[in-house]
Amino acid sequence: MGQKSTGRIKNMTNKTLEEKLIAYYTRYYRDICSLSDYQQRVENRLREEDQDLDRLQRLEKILRLDFHRKKHFIVGAGTGGLAIVLRRHYQGEIFGIEPSLEELEIIKLKCQDYGINSDHFTAEVGEKISAPDQAFDFVFCVTVLEHVQNVEQCLDEMIRITKSGGGIYIKTPNYAYPYEGHYKTHLPLWSKTLSRFVLRLARRSDQFLKTINLFTASDLDAVLMKKKNIYWQRIYEPVSISGGPWGRLLNYLKFKKGVYPTQDIFITKL
């Protein structure tokens, strides 16, 4: 086995790619999510590979995994940060799907910039993946399940394409916790109607909320418990104590009820 690279992902030099990333994320953060700090968030997205590298290194350490020189599949590849890390840092063979044609165009530009076969990325949805059975060592699904139409069907497809002994990493919100990560704000998410009303009061667009599937950790547990050919576990991060009356409710949910804002799940296929 070759030695892993320990450096960060190289800075972006493709100006066309940079311009497309800026345009895409400006629309996303400013026009869709109505965030006042959108410019800083756009700037951070130009270095999104660093965040993905940190996430993978954390997973390797906690779960004693090795992503090096493996065959990977990304469900909802976004603008390609994770794909670049898996290729450049881990020397993996990378495949993926992304239904957004605008994001897919960005991924393919990144593939050209980083020497990845762009044909490995196609415009498909997670509920119907064209990849063959038992084809991949690791499958990744990061902030995607909240956007699919059928969570169980998407999960079945990820299990199907994973090799026996391989793993699936899922990161998705837990909408039992009253925080919406796309809008970066607390909302009464037990009611989508009420949440939309709160957004309108704050003079923020509620259109994006209509597209989100507000499923909870309990909902996902119920789906996972029905599967016979997997072992799964949740990964919990340290959480901070919040202040004020609203903070006391959040503390109660986190520390007394075990309701966390984010679900991190690793599935091993038996």
Protein backbone atom coordinates (compact mmCIF):
# COMPACT_ATOMS: atom_id res chain seq x y z
CA MET A 1 0.00 0.00 0.00
CA GLY A 2 1.34 3.43 -0.95
CA GLN A 3 1.79 6.26 1.49
CA LYS A 4 -1.06 8.73 1.89
CA SER A 5 -0.63 12.41 1.10
CA THR A 6 -0.67 14.60 4.22
CA GLY A 7 -1.05 17.96 2.46
CA ARG A 8 -4.21 19.97 1.92
CA ILE A 9 -6.02 20.00 -1.40
CA LYS A 10 -4.46 22.45 -3.86
CA ASN A 11 -5.92 25.94 -4.29
CA MET A 12 -8.23 26.52 -7.23
CA THR A 13 -6.58 27.80 -10.41
CA ASN A 14 -9.36 27.25 -12.99
CA LYS A 15 -11.03 30.67 -13.29
CA THR A 16 -14.06 29.36 -15.21
CA LEU A 17 -14.66 26.83 -12.47
CA GLU A 18 -14.22 29.46 -9.77
CA GLU A 19 -16.71 31.79 -11.47
CA LYS A 20 -19.31 29.03 -11.77
CA LEU A 21 -18.87 28.08 -8.11
CA ILE A 22 -19.26 31.69 -7.01
CA ALA A 23 -22.37 32.17 -9.15
CA TYR A 24 -23.96 28.94 -7.96
CA TYR A 25 -23.36 29.43 -4.26
CA THR A 26 -24.26 33.11 -4.36
CA ARG A 27 -27.70 32.15 -5.66
CA TYR A 28 -27.95 29.36 -3.10
CA TYR A 29 -26.93 31.30 0.02
CA ARG A 30 -28.24 34.76 -0.92
CA ASP A 31 -31.36 34.09 -3.02
CA ILE A 32 -32.57 30.68 -1.81
CA CYS A 33 -31.51 30.60 1.85
CA SER A 34 -31.55 34.40 2.37
CA LEU A 35 -28.37 34.48 4.45
CA SER A 36 -26.86 37.87 5.27
CA ASP A 37 -23.32 36.43 5.47
CA TYR A 38 -23.59 34.77 2.08
CA GLN A 39 -20.34 36.28 0.77
CA GLN A 40 -18.24 34.59 3.45
CA ARG A 41 -20.06 31.30 2.92
CA VAL A 42 -19.41 31.51 -0.83
CA GLU A 43 -15.73 32.15 -0.12
CA ASN A 44 -15.61 29.11 2.16
CA ARG A 45 -17.08 26.97 -0.62
CA LEU A 46 -14.05 27.69 -2.77
CA ARG A 47 -12.13 25.65 -0.18
CA GLU A 48 -14.80 23.00 0.44
CA GLU A 49 -12.29 20.19 -0.08
CA ASP A 50 -10.58 21.05 3.22
CA GLN A 51 -13.82 20.49 5.14
CA ASP A 52 -14.42 17.16 3.39
CA LEU A 53 -10.87 16.05 4.14
CA ASP A 54 -11.34 16.86 7.83
CA ARG A 55 -14.58 14.85 7.87
CA LEU A 56 -12.98 11.77 6.29
CA GLN A 57 -9.96 11.87 8.58
CA ARG A 58 -12.27 12.08 11.58
CA LEU A 59 -14.24 9.06 10.37
CA GLU A 60 -11.07 7.07 9.80
CA LYS A 61 -9.91 7.81 13.32
CA ILE A 62 -13.19 7.14 15.12
CA LEU A 63 -14.20 4.00 13.20
CA ARG A 64 -10.71 2.73 12.30
CA LEU A 65 -11.42 2.86 8.59
CA ASP A 66 -9.08 3.15 5.63
CA PHE A 67 -10.36 4.99 2.57
CA HIS A 68 -7.04 4.65 0.72
CA ARG A 69 -7.12 3.15 -2.81
CA LYS A 70 -10.74 2.03 -2.53
CA LYS A 71 -13.68 2.23 -4.92
CA HIS A 72 -16.08 4.96 -3.77
CA PHE A 73 -19.57 6.09 -4.77
CA ILE A 74 -21.10 9.45 -3.83
CA VAL A 75 -24.89 9.84 -3.73
CA GLY A 76 -25.56 13.52 -4.36
CA ALA A 77 -22.04 14.58 -5.26
CA GLY A 78 -22.88 18.31 -5.08
CA THR A 79 -20.10 20.47 -6.45
CA GLY A 80 -17.50 17.74 -6.13
CA GLY A 81 -15.50 18.55 -2.99
CA LEU A 82 -15.72 15.06 -1.56
CA ALA A 83 -14.86 13.48 -4.91
CA ILE A 84 -11.70 15.55 -5.19
CA VAL A 85 -10.56 14.56 -1.69
CA LEU A 86 -11.19 10.86 -2.27
CA ARG A 87 -9.19 11.00 -5.49
CA ARG A 88 -6.30 13.31 -4.63
CA HIS A 89 -5.76 12.48 -0.96
CA TYR A 90 -6.81 8.82 -0.93
CA GLN A 91 -6.03 7.83 -4.54
CA GLY A 92 -9.46 6.21 -4.85
CA GLU A 93 -11.55 5.31 -7.87
CA ILE A 94 -14.52 7.68 -7.67
CA PHE A 95 -18.05 7.45 -9.06
CA GLY A 96 -21.20 9.37 -8.21
CA ILE A 97 -24.56 10.82 -9.12
CA GLU A 98 -25.92 14.36 -8.97
CA PRO A 99 -29.41 15.22 -10.27
CA SER A 100 -28.72 18.97 -10.45
CA LEU A 101 -27.35 19.68 -13.93
CA GLU A 102 -25.72 22.90 -12.76
CA GLU A 103 -23.84 21.12 -10.00
CA LEU A 104 -23.01 18.24 -12.34
CA GLU A 105 -21.40 20.71 -14.76
CA ILE A 106 -19.22 22.00 -11.92
CA ILE A 107 -18.24 18.46 -10.92
CA LYS A 108 -17.17 17.66 -14.47
CA LEU A 109 -15.05 20.83 -14.61
CA LYS A 110 -13.39 19.78 -11.37
CA CYS A 111 -12.78 16.32 -12.82
CA GLN A 112 -10.92 17.91 -15.73
CA ASP A 113 -8.91 20.07 -13.33
CA TYR A 114 -7.95 17.13 -11.10
CA GLY A 115 -7.54 14.35 -13.68
CA ILE A 116 -10.70 12.36 -12.84
CA ASN A 117 -12.82 10.59 -15.45
CA SER A 118 -15.87 12.87 -15.67
CA ASP A 119 -17.94 10.02 -17.19
CA HIS A 120 -18.01 8.49 -13.71
CA PHE A 121 -20.55 11.16 -12.65
CA THR A 122 -24.09 11.04 -14.03
CA ALA A 123 -27.41 12.86 -13.57
CA GLU A 124 -29.38 10.32 -11.54
CA VAL A 125 -31.46 10.24 -8.37
CA GLY A 126 -30.72 8.17 -5.27
CA GLU A 127 -33.91 6.14 -5.58
CA LYS A 128 -32.72 4.56 -8.85
CA ILE A 129 -28.97 4.15 -9.25
CA SER A 130 -27.68 2.52 -12.43
CA ALA A 131 -24.53 1.12 -10.77
CA PRO A 132 -24.28 -2.70 -10.42
CA ASP A 133 -24.75 -4.70 -7.21
CA GLN A 134 -21.87 -5.01 -4.74
CA ALA A 135 -19.62 -2.66 -6.70
CA PHE A 136 -18.20 -0.22 -4.12
CA ASP A 137 -16.14 -0.36 -0.95
CA PHE A 138 -17.66 2.85 0.44
CA VAL A 139 -20.78 4.84 -0.36
CA PHE A 140 -21.23 8.42 0.87
CA CYS A 141 -24.48 10.34 1.28
CA VAL A 142 -23.79 13.75 2.85
CA THR A 143 -26.72 16.17 3.37
CA VAL A 144 -28.76 14.44 0.68
CA LEU A 145 -31.43 12.24 2.34
CA GLU A 146 -33.42 15.30 3.39
CA HIS A 147 -33.88 16.10 -0.30
CA VAL A 148 -34.92 12.71 -1.74
CA GLN A 149 -38.51 11.68 -2.42
CA ASN A 150 -38.24 8.20 -0.88
CA VAL A 151 -35.71 7.71 1.93
CA GLU A 152 -36.12 3.94 2.21
CA GLN A 153 -35.76 3.37 -1.51
CA CYS A 154 -32.63 5.51 -1.60
CA LEU A 155 -31.20 3.59 1.34
CA ASP A 156 -31.96 0.26 -0.34
CA GLU A 157 -30.08 1.39 -3.44
CA MET A 158 -27.03 2.40 -1.40
CA ILE A 159 -27.01 -0.97 0.36
CA ARG A 160 -27.39 -2.79 -2.96
CA ILE A 161 -24.35 -1.20 -4.61
CA THR A 162 -22.09 -1.63 -1.53
CA LYS A 163 -19.83 -4.67 -1.31
CA SER A 164 -20.29 -7.14 1.53
CA GLY A 165 -18.03 -5.86 4.30
CA GLY A 166 -18.16 -2.36 2.82
CA GLY A 167 -19.54 0.76 4.44
CA ILE A 168 -22.07 3.54 3.92
CA TYR A 169 -21.67 6.94 5.56
CA ILE A 170 -24.78 9.11 5.96
CA LYS A 171 -24.91 12.67 7.28
CA THR A 172 -28.31 14.32 7.40
CA PRO A 173 -30.30 16.66 9.67
CA ASN A 174 -32.48 15.40 12.50
CA TYR A 175 -35.64 17.44 12.17
CA ALA A 176 -36.83 16.53 15.65
CA TYR A 177 -34.36 19.23 16.65
CA PRO A 178 -35.67 22.75 15.92
CA TYR A 179 -32.82 23.93 13.73
CA GLU A 180 -32.78 24.12 9.95
CA GLY A 181 -29.21 23.91 8.69
CA HIS A 182 -29.80 25.26 5.19
CA TYR A 183 -31.34 28.46 6.57
CA LYS A 184 -28.92 28.50 9.54
CA THR A 185 -31.71 29.31 11.95
CA HIS A 186 -33.96 27.75 14.59
CA LEU A 187 -37.47 26.93 13.39
CA PRO A 188 -40.52 25.06 14.78
CA LEU A 189 -39.89 22.15 12.44
CA TRP A 190 -42.68 19.97 13.84
CA SER A 191 -44.86 22.08 11.53
CA LYS A 192 -43.68 23.02 8.05
CA THR A 193 -46.57 25.49 7.78
CA LEU A 194 -45.55 27.27 10.98
CA SER A 195 -41.89 27.24 9.96
CA ARG A 196 -42.77 28.86 6.65
CA PHE A 197 -44.78 31.50 8.52
CA VAL A 198 -41.76 32.28 10.74
CA LEU A 199 -39.54 32.66 7.70
CA ARG A 200 -42.00 35.02 6.07
CA LEU A 201 -42.16 37.14 9.23
CA ALA A 202 -38.39 37.42 9.03
CA ARG A 203 -38.76 38.44 5.36
CA ARG A 204 -36.90 35.39 4.17
CA SER A 205 -37.87 33.13 1.28
CA ASP A 206 -39.77 30.00 2.32
CA GLN A 207 -39.62 28.33 -1.09
CA PHE A 208 -36.63 26.11 -0.30
CA LEU A 209 -38.33 24.74 2.82
CA LYS A 210 -41.07 23.30 0.62
CA THR A 211 -38.55 20.93 -0.97
CA ILE A 212 -37.12 19.53 2.27
CA ASN A 213 -38.16 16.16 3.67
CA LEU A 214 -38.47 16.83 7.43
CA PHE A 215 -37.76 13.32 8.67
CA THR A 216 -36.31 12.69 12.12
CA ALA A 217 -33.81 10.33 13.73
CA SER A 218 -36.74 8.15 14.83
CA ASP A 219 -37.99 8.01 11.26
CA LEU A 220 -34.60 6.87 10.00
CA ASP A 221 -34.22 4.38 12.87
CA ALA A 222 -37.52 2.78 11.84
CA VAL A 223 -36.27 2.33 8.28
CA LEU A 224 -32.87 0.97 9.32
CA MET A 225 -34.36 -1.49 11.82
CA LYS A 226 -36.17 -3.27 8.98
CA LYS A 227 -32.96 -4.10 7.12
CA LYS A 228 -31.58 -7.61 7.65
CA ASN A 229 -28.19 -7.42 5.95
CA ILE A 230 -26.58 -4.47 7.73
CA TYR A 231 -25.06 -3.35 11.00
CA TRP A 232 -25.41 0.35 11.76
CA GLN A 233 -24.26 2.80 14.38
CA ARG A 234 -24.66 6.48 15.16
CA ILE A 235 -21.70 8.80 15.71
CA TYR A 236 -22.25 11.57 18.25
CA GLU A 237 -20.21 14.75 18.45
CA PRO A 238 -19.67 16.86 21.59
CA VAL A 239 -22.32 19.54 21.89
CA SER A 240 -22.12 22.97 23.52
CA ILE A 241 -24.45 24.41 26.15
CA SER A 242 -26.75 27.16 24.87
CA GLY A 243 -27.85 30.20 26.85
CA GLY A 244 -31.15 32.02 27.35
CA PRO A 245 -34.74 30.69 27.47
CA TRP A 246 -34.53 29.20 23.98
CA GLY A 247 -31.15 27.73 24.86
CA ARG A 248 -32.63 25.92 27.84
CA LEU A 249 -35.05 24.13 25.52
CA LEU A 250 -32.19 23.17 23.20
CA ASN A 251 -30.12 21.91 26.15
CA TYR A 252 -33.07 19.82 27.33
CA LEU A 253 -33.43 18.24 23.89
CA LYS A 254 -29.71 17.53 23.53
CA PHE A 255 -28.81 16.36 27.02
CA LYS A 256 -32.06 14.94 28.41
CA LYS A 257 -33.77 13.58 25.31
CA GLY A 258 -30.74 12.81 23.17
CA VAL A 259 -32.12 14.85 20.27
CA TYR A 260 -29.18 16.15 18.24
CA PRO A 261 -29.32 18.55 15.28
CA THR A 262 -27.34 16.26 12.96
CA GLN A 263 -27.44 12.55 12.26
CA ASP A 264 -24.12 10.85 11.53
CA ILE A 265 -24.59 7.18 10.71
CA PHE A 266 -22.20 4.51 9.51
CA ILE A 267 -23.64 1.32 8.02
CA THR A 268 -21.65 -1.88 7.48
CA LYS A 269 -23.06 -4.30 4.92
CA LEU A 270 -22.89 -7.87 6.16
